[in-house]
């Protein structure tokens, strides 16, 4: 989802969960939502946790003032690494596009390039 830079994470957390497409498994009815939701301290609000539980998602959110941010490190690293790959693409590092549609199209193209490179590496190096 694309939003302005000054919108708090809490405001977009639940619409983002609702926008997730069905997760297809080996057989049976596809799962509509993930089993767990990992988040940093920016999502530590009672209403976010409550609404995640209502959606049958287990909240794995670091607590402000209590838990260290290091506990989410292995999950967060994947996100930070992927954002780093996107930032290597000049037009995505700083948003230069006025149109949200154009920026989103470039973002999707960047994700396709990353996926292509990873698949190419996987086929070259093997499993």
N, C-alpha and C. Protein backbone atom coordinates (compact mmCIF):
# COMPACT_ATOMS: atom_id res chain seq x y z
N UNK A 1 0.84 -1.18 0.00
CA UNK A 1 0.00 0.00 0.00
C UNK A 1 0.88 1.23 0.00
N UNK A 2 0.41 2.25 -0.64
CA UNK A 2 1.16 3.49 -0.77
C UNK A 2 0.45 4.55 0.04
N UNK A 3 1.19 5.28 0.87
CA UNK A 3 0.60 6.35 1.67
C UNK A 3 1.60 7.49 1.78
N UNK A 4 1.14 8.59 2.33
CA UNK A 4 2.01 9.74 2.53
C UNK A 4 3.04 9.42 3.60
N UNK A 5 4.13 10.16 3.61
CA UNK A 5 5.22 9.90 4.57
C UNK A 5 4.82 10.25 5.99
N UNK A 6 3.85 11.13 6.17
CA UNK A 6 3.49 11.58 7.51
C UNK A 6 2.31 10.81 8.11
N UNK A 7 1.94 9.66 7.54
CA UNK A 7 0.87 8.83 8.08
C UNK A 7 1.48 7.81 9.04
N UNK A 8 0.95 7.74 10.25
CA UNK A 8 1.48 6.82 11.26
C UNK A 8 1.24 5.37 10.85
N UNK A 9 2.19 4.49 11.17
CA UNK A 9 2.10 3.07 10.83
C UNK A 9 0.82 2.44 11.36
N UNK A 10 0.39 2.87 12.52
CA UNK A 10 -0.79 2.30 13.16
C UNK A 10 -2.03 2.45 12.27
N UNK A 11 -2.12 3.55 11.56
CA UNK A 11 -3.29 3.82 10.72
C UNK A 11 -3.39 2.89 9.51
N UNK A 12 -2.26 2.40 9.03
CA UNK A 12 -2.25 1.57 7.82
C UNK A 12 -2.09 0.09 8.10
N UNK A 13 -1.89 -0.29 9.35
CA UNK A 13 -1.63 -1.70 9.68
C UNK A 13 -2.83 -2.59 9.32
N UNK A 14 -4.01 -2.23 9.76
CA UNK A 14 -5.17 -3.09 9.54
C UNK A 14 -5.65 -3.07 8.09
N UNK A 15 -5.68 -1.92 7.40
CA UNK A 15 -6.01 -1.98 5.97
C UNK A 15 -5.02 -2.82 5.17
N UNK A 16 -3.76 -2.81 5.58
CA UNK A 16 -2.76 -3.63 4.90
C UNK A 16 -3.06 -5.12 5.11
N UNK A 17 -3.44 -5.50 6.32
CA UNK A 17 -3.79 -6.91 6.57
C UNK A 17 -5.03 -7.31 5.78
N UNK A 18 -5.98 -6.39 5.63
CA UNK A 18 -7.19 -6.71 4.88
C UNK A 18 -6.93 -6.82 3.38
N UNK A 19 -5.84 -6.21 2.90
CA UNK A 19 -5.53 -6.23 1.46
C UNK A 19 -4.76 -7.48 1.04
N UNK A 20 -4.36 -8.34 1.99
CA UNK A 20 -3.60 -9.54 1.66
C UNK A 20 -4.48 -10.50 0.86
N UNK A 21 -3.95 -10.98 -0.25
CA UNK A 21 -4.67 -11.93 -1.08
C UNK A 21 -4.66 -13.31 -0.43
N UNK A 22 -5.59 -14.19 -0.81
CA UNK A 22 -5.61 -15.54 -0.23
C UNK A 22 -4.29 -16.26 -0.42
N UNK A 23 -3.88 -17.00 0.61
CA UNK A 23 -2.64 -17.77 0.58
C UNK A 23 -3.00 -19.19 0.19
N UNK A 24 -2.49 -19.62 -0.96
CA UNK A 24 -2.85 -20.95 -1.46
C UNK A 24 -1.96 -22.00 -0.84
N UNK A 25 -2.55 -23.07 -0.41
CA UNK A 25 -1.82 -24.19 0.16
C UNK A 25 -1.90 -25.39 -0.76
N UNK A 26 -1.47 -26.55 -0.28
CA UNK A 26 -1.48 -27.74 -1.12
C UNK A 26 -2.89 -28.18 -1.53
N UNK A 27 -3.85 -28.04 -0.63
CA UNK A 27 -5.23 -28.42 -0.96
C UNK A 27 -6.18 -27.79 0.04
N UNK A 28 -7.45 -27.82 -0.29
CA UNK A 28 -8.45 -27.25 0.60
C UNK A 28 -8.69 -25.78 0.32
N UNK A 29 -9.48 -25.19 1.17
CA UNK A 29 -9.83 -23.78 1.01
C UNK A 29 -8.60 -22.92 1.30
N UNK A 30 -8.31 -21.92 0.45
CA UNK A 30 -7.14 -21.09 0.70
C UNK A 30 -7.31 -20.24 1.96
N UNK A 31 -6.22 -20.07 2.68
CA UNK A 31 -6.22 -19.26 3.90
C UNK A 31 -6.27 -17.80 3.51
N UNK A 32 -7.14 -17.03 4.15
CA UNK A 32 -7.31 -15.61 3.79
C UNK A 32 -6.27 -14.71 4.45
N UNK A 33 -5.73 -15.13 5.57
CA UNK A 33 -4.81 -14.27 6.31
C UNK A 33 -3.62 -15.09 6.82
N UNK A 34 -2.50 -14.42 7.10
CA UNK A 34 -1.37 -15.15 7.68
C UNK A 34 -1.67 -15.58 9.10
N UNK A 35 -0.93 -16.55 9.60
CA UNK A 35 -1.14 -17.05 10.96
C UNK A 35 -0.61 -16.07 12.00
N UNK A 36 0.53 -15.43 11.70
CA UNK A 36 1.15 -14.49 12.64
C UNK A 36 1.44 -13.18 11.94
N UNK A 37 1.48 -12.11 12.71
CA UNK A 37 1.84 -10.80 12.19
C UNK A 37 2.99 -10.23 13.00
N UNK A 38 4.15 -10.06 12.38
CA UNK A 38 5.33 -9.52 13.06
C UNK A 38 5.38 -8.01 12.85
N UNK A 39 5.68 -7.29 13.92
CA UNK A 39 5.77 -5.85 13.81
C UNK A 39 6.71 -5.27 14.86
N UNK A 40 7.22 -4.09 14.57
CA UNK A 40 8.10 -3.44 15.54
C UNK A 40 7.26 -2.61 16.51
N UNK A 41 7.93 -1.81 17.31
CA UNK A 41 7.25 -1.07 18.38
C UNK A 41 6.28 -0.02 17.86
N UNK A 42 6.38 0.34 16.60
CA UNK A 42 5.46 1.30 16.00
C UNK A 42 4.03 0.79 15.92
N UNK A 43 3.85 -0.51 16.04
CA UNK A 43 2.52 -1.12 15.96
C UNK A 43 1.99 -1.55 17.32
N UNK A 44 2.68 -1.20 18.39
CA UNK A 44 2.30 -1.64 19.74
C UNK A 44 1.19 -0.76 20.30
N UNK A 45 -0.03 -1.05 19.90
CA UNK A 45 -1.21 -0.35 20.40
C UNK A 45 -2.28 -1.39 20.68
N UNK A 46 -3.04 -1.21 21.75
CA UNK A 46 -4.05 -2.22 22.11
C UNK A 46 -5.07 -2.47 21.00
N UNK A 47 -5.50 -1.43 20.29
CA UNK A 47 -6.51 -1.65 19.26
C UNK A 47 -5.94 -2.41 18.06
N UNK A 48 -4.67 -2.23 17.75
CA UNK A 48 -4.06 -3.00 16.66
C UNK A 48 -3.99 -4.47 17.05
N UNK A 49 -3.54 -4.75 18.29
CA UNK A 49 -3.48 -6.14 18.77
C UNK A 49 -4.87 -6.78 18.79
N UNK A 50 -5.84 -6.04 19.29
CA UNK A 50 -7.21 -6.56 19.40
C UNK A 50 -7.78 -6.88 18.02
N UNK A 51 -7.59 -5.96 17.07
CA UNK A 51 -8.12 -6.19 15.72
C UNK A 51 -7.38 -7.29 14.98
N UNK A 52 -6.10 -7.49 15.29
CA UNK A 52 -5.38 -8.62 14.69
C UNK A 52 -5.96 -9.94 15.22
N UNK A 53 -6.22 -9.99 16.52
CA UNK A 53 -6.80 -11.21 17.09
C UNK A 53 -8.19 -11.48 16.52
N UNK A 54 -8.97 -10.42 16.28
CA UNK A 54 -10.29 -10.58 15.68
C UNK A 54 -10.19 -11.20 14.29
N UNK A 55 -9.10 -10.92 13.61
CA UNK A 55 -8.87 -11.47 12.27
C UNK A 55 -8.17 -12.83 12.34
N UNK A 56 -8.04 -13.38 13.54
CA UNK A 56 -7.39 -14.69 13.78
C UNK A 56 -5.92 -14.67 13.37
N UNK A 57 -5.25 -13.55 13.64
CA UNK A 57 -3.82 -13.40 13.40
C UNK A 57 -3.15 -13.22 14.76
N UNK A 58 -2.14 -14.02 15.04
CA UNK A 58 -1.42 -13.90 16.31
C UNK A 58 -0.45 -12.72 16.20
N UNK A 59 -0.63 -11.68 17.04
CA UNK A 59 0.28 -10.53 16.95
C UNK A 59 1.63 -10.83 17.60
N UNK A 60 2.70 -10.66 16.86
CA UNK A 60 4.08 -10.77 17.36
C UNK A 60 4.70 -9.38 17.24
N UNK A 61 4.34 -8.54 18.20
CA UNK A 61 4.73 -7.13 18.15
C UNK A 61 5.59 -6.82 19.37
N UNK A 62 6.73 -6.19 19.14
CA UNK A 62 7.60 -5.79 20.25
C UNK A 62 6.88 -4.75 21.10
N UNK A 63 7.00 -4.86 22.41
CA UNK A 63 6.33 -3.92 23.32
C UNK A 63 7.22 -2.72 23.60
N UNK A 64 6.60 -1.55 23.56
CA UNK A 64 7.35 -0.32 23.83
C UNK A 64 7.80 -0.29 25.29
N UNK A 65 9.07 0.00 25.49
CA UNK A 65 9.61 0.14 26.84
C UNK A 65 9.89 -1.16 27.56
N UNK A 66 9.55 -2.30 26.98
CA UNK A 66 9.74 -3.59 27.66
C UNK A 66 10.71 -4.48 26.90
N UNK A 67 10.38 -4.79 25.64
CA UNK A 67 11.15 -5.75 24.88
C UNK A 67 12.19 -5.07 24.01
N UNK A 68 13.27 -5.76 23.81
CA UNK A 68 14.32 -5.28 22.93
C UNK A 68 13.90 -5.49 21.48
N UNK A 69 14.31 -4.58 20.62
CA UNK A 69 13.98 -4.73 19.21
C UNK A 69 14.74 -5.87 18.56
N UNK A 70 15.74 -6.40 19.25
CA UNK A 70 16.56 -7.48 18.70
C UNK A 70 15.79 -8.78 18.55
N UNK A 71 14.71 -8.96 19.29
CA UNK A 71 13.97 -10.22 19.21
C UNK A 71 13.30 -10.43 17.86
N UNK A 72 13.03 -9.33 17.15
CA UNK A 72 12.42 -9.46 15.83
C UNK A 72 13.46 -9.44 14.73
N UNK A 73 14.73 -9.52 15.07
CA UNK A 73 15.82 -9.34 14.14
C UNK A 73 15.80 -10.23 12.92
N UNK A 74 15.58 -11.52 13.09
CA UNK A 74 15.66 -12.41 11.93
C UNK A 74 14.50 -12.18 10.97
N UNK A 75 13.34 -11.78 11.47
CA UNK A 75 12.21 -11.49 10.58
C UNK A 75 12.37 -10.11 9.95
N UNK A 76 12.86 -9.17 10.73
CA UNK A 76 13.01 -7.81 10.25
C UNK A 76 14.13 -7.72 9.21
N UNK A 77 15.14 -8.56 9.33
CA UNK A 77 16.27 -8.51 8.42
C UNK A 77 15.82 -8.73 6.98
N UNK A 78 14.88 -9.62 6.77
CA UNK A 78 14.39 -9.91 5.42
C UNK A 78 13.76 -8.66 4.82
N UNK A 79 13.00 -7.95 5.61
CA UNK A 79 12.35 -6.72 5.13
C UNK A 79 13.39 -5.65 4.84
N UNK A 80 14.32 -5.44 5.77
CA UNK A 80 15.34 -4.42 5.59
C UNK A 80 16.24 -4.73 4.39
N UNK A 81 16.57 -5.99 4.19
CA UNK A 81 17.38 -6.40 3.04
C UNK A 81 16.65 -6.10 1.75
N UNK A 82 15.36 -6.43 1.70
CA UNK A 82 14.58 -6.20 0.49
C UNK A 82 14.44 -4.71 0.19
N UNK A 83 14.24 -3.91 1.23
CA UNK A 83 14.18 -2.46 1.02
C UNK A 83 15.53 -1.93 0.54
N UNK A 84 16.61 -2.49 1.03
CA UNK A 84 17.94 -2.11 0.56
C UNK A 84 18.11 -2.41 -0.93
N UNK A 85 17.61 -3.57 -1.38
CA UNK A 85 17.69 -3.90 -2.80
C UNK A 85 16.88 -2.91 -3.63
N UNK A 86 15.70 -2.52 -3.12
CA UNK A 86 14.88 -1.55 -3.85
C UNK A 86 15.55 -0.18 -3.89
N UNK A 87 16.25 0.19 -2.82
CA UNK A 87 16.91 1.49 -2.77
C UNK A 87 18.10 1.57 -3.71
N UNK A 88 18.61 0.43 -4.18
CA UNK A 88 19.68 0.44 -5.17
C UNK A 88 19.18 0.95 -6.51
N UNK A 89 17.87 0.91 -6.71
CA UNK A 89 17.28 1.43 -7.94
C UNK A 89 17.01 2.91 -7.73
N UNK A 90 17.69 3.73 -8.51
CA UNK A 90 17.75 5.17 -8.27
C UNK A 90 16.37 5.84 -8.15
N UNK A 91 15.45 5.50 -9.01
CA UNK A 91 14.14 6.18 -9.00
C UNK A 91 13.30 5.81 -7.80
N UNK A 92 13.64 4.72 -7.12
CA UNK A 92 12.86 4.31 -5.95
C UNK A 92 13.49 4.78 -4.64
N UNK A 93 14.75 5.20 -4.67
CA UNK A 93 15.42 5.65 -3.44
C UNK A 93 14.72 6.89 -2.88
N UNK A 94 14.56 7.87 -3.73
CA UNK A 94 13.83 9.09 -3.36
C UNK A 94 12.69 9.21 -4.35
N UNK A 95 11.50 9.39 -3.83
CA UNK A 95 10.34 9.45 -4.71
C UNK A 95 10.37 10.72 -5.53
N UNK A 96 10.60 10.57 -6.82
CA UNK A 96 10.64 11.70 -7.73
C UNK A 96 9.35 11.83 -8.52
N UNK A 97 8.56 10.79 -8.52
CA UNK A 97 7.33 10.78 -9.30
C UNK A 97 6.21 11.49 -8.56
N UNK A 98 5.49 12.36 -9.24
CA UNK A 98 4.34 13.03 -8.62
C UNK A 98 3.14 12.08 -8.54
N UNK A 99 3.00 11.26 -9.56
CA UNK A 99 1.86 10.37 -9.64
C UNK A 99 2.08 9.14 -8.76
N UNK A 100 1.11 8.85 -7.91
CA UNK A 100 1.19 7.66 -7.07
C UNK A 100 1.15 6.40 -7.92
N UNK A 101 0.38 6.43 -9.02
CA UNK A 101 0.29 5.25 -9.89
C UNK A 101 1.63 4.94 -10.55
N UNK A 102 2.34 5.99 -10.96
CA UNK A 102 3.64 5.78 -11.59
C UNK A 102 4.65 5.24 -10.58
N UNK A 103 4.64 5.78 -9.36
CA UNK A 103 5.55 5.30 -8.33
C UNK A 103 5.27 3.84 -7.99
N UNK A 104 3.99 3.50 -7.86
CA UNK A 104 3.61 2.13 -7.55
C UNK A 104 4.01 1.19 -8.70
N UNK A 105 3.87 1.64 -9.95
CA UNK A 105 4.28 0.83 -11.09
C UNK A 105 5.79 0.59 -11.07
N UNK A 106 6.57 1.62 -10.77
CA UNK A 106 8.02 1.46 -10.69
C UNK A 106 8.41 0.55 -9.53
N UNK A 107 7.67 0.65 -8.42
CA UNK A 107 7.93 -0.22 -7.27
C UNK A 107 7.67 -1.68 -7.63
N UNK A 108 6.59 -1.93 -8.33
CA UNK A 108 6.28 -3.30 -8.76
C UNK A 108 7.31 -3.82 -9.75
N UNK A 109 7.74 -2.96 -10.65
CA UNK A 109 8.78 -3.34 -11.60
C UNK A 109 10.08 -3.68 -10.86
N UNK A 110 10.42 -2.89 -9.84
CA UNK A 110 11.60 -3.17 -9.03
C UNK A 110 11.50 -4.51 -8.32
N UNK A 111 10.32 -4.82 -7.79
CA UNK A 111 10.12 -6.12 -7.13
C UNK A 111 10.25 -7.26 -8.13
N UNK A 112 9.75 -7.06 -9.36
CA UNK A 112 9.89 -8.09 -10.40
C UNK A 112 11.35 -8.32 -10.74
N UNK A 113 12.13 -7.24 -10.83
CA UNK A 113 13.56 -7.37 -11.12
C UNK A 113 14.29 -8.12 -10.01
N UNK A 114 13.95 -7.82 -8.77
CA UNK A 114 14.56 -8.52 -7.63
C UNK A 114 14.22 -10.00 -7.68
N UNK A 115 12.96 -10.31 -7.94
CA UNK A 115 12.53 -11.71 -8.03
C UNK A 115 13.25 -12.43 -9.17
N UNK A 116 13.37 -11.76 -10.32
CA UNK A 116 14.07 -12.35 -11.46
C UNK A 116 15.53 -12.65 -11.12
N UNK A 117 16.20 -11.70 -10.46
CA UNK A 117 17.60 -11.90 -10.09
C UNK A 117 17.77 -13.04 -9.10
N UNK A 118 16.86 -13.13 -8.15
CA UNK A 118 16.94 -14.21 -7.16
C UNK A 118 16.68 -15.58 -7.81
N UNK A 119 15.71 -15.65 -8.71
CA UNK A 119 15.44 -16.90 -9.42
C UNK A 119 16.63 -17.30 -10.29
N UNK A 120 17.21 -16.31 -10.96
CA UNK A 120 18.38 -16.57 -11.79
C UNK A 120 19.54 -17.09 -10.94
N UNK A 121 19.76 -16.48 -9.79
CA UNK A 121 20.83 -16.92 -8.88
C UNK A 121 20.55 -18.33 -8.37
N UNK A 122 19.28 -18.60 -8.03
CA UNK A 122 18.91 -19.92 -7.50
C UNK A 122 19.13 -21.01 -8.58
N UNK A 123 18.78 -20.71 -9.81
CA UNK A 123 18.97 -21.69 -10.88
C UNK A 123 20.44 -21.90 -11.20
N UNK A 124 21.24 -20.83 -11.07
CA UNK A 124 22.68 -20.94 -11.36
C UNK A 124 23.41 -21.71 -10.26
N UNK A 125 23.12 -21.37 -9.01
CA UNK A 125 23.86 -21.95 -7.86
C UNK A 125 23.25 -23.26 -7.37
N UNK A 126 21.99 -23.49 -7.68
CA UNK A 126 21.32 -24.71 -7.21
C UNK A 126 20.73 -24.51 -5.82
N UNK A 127 19.93 -25.45 -5.37
CA UNK A 127 19.25 -25.31 -4.07
C UNK A 127 20.16 -25.41 -2.88
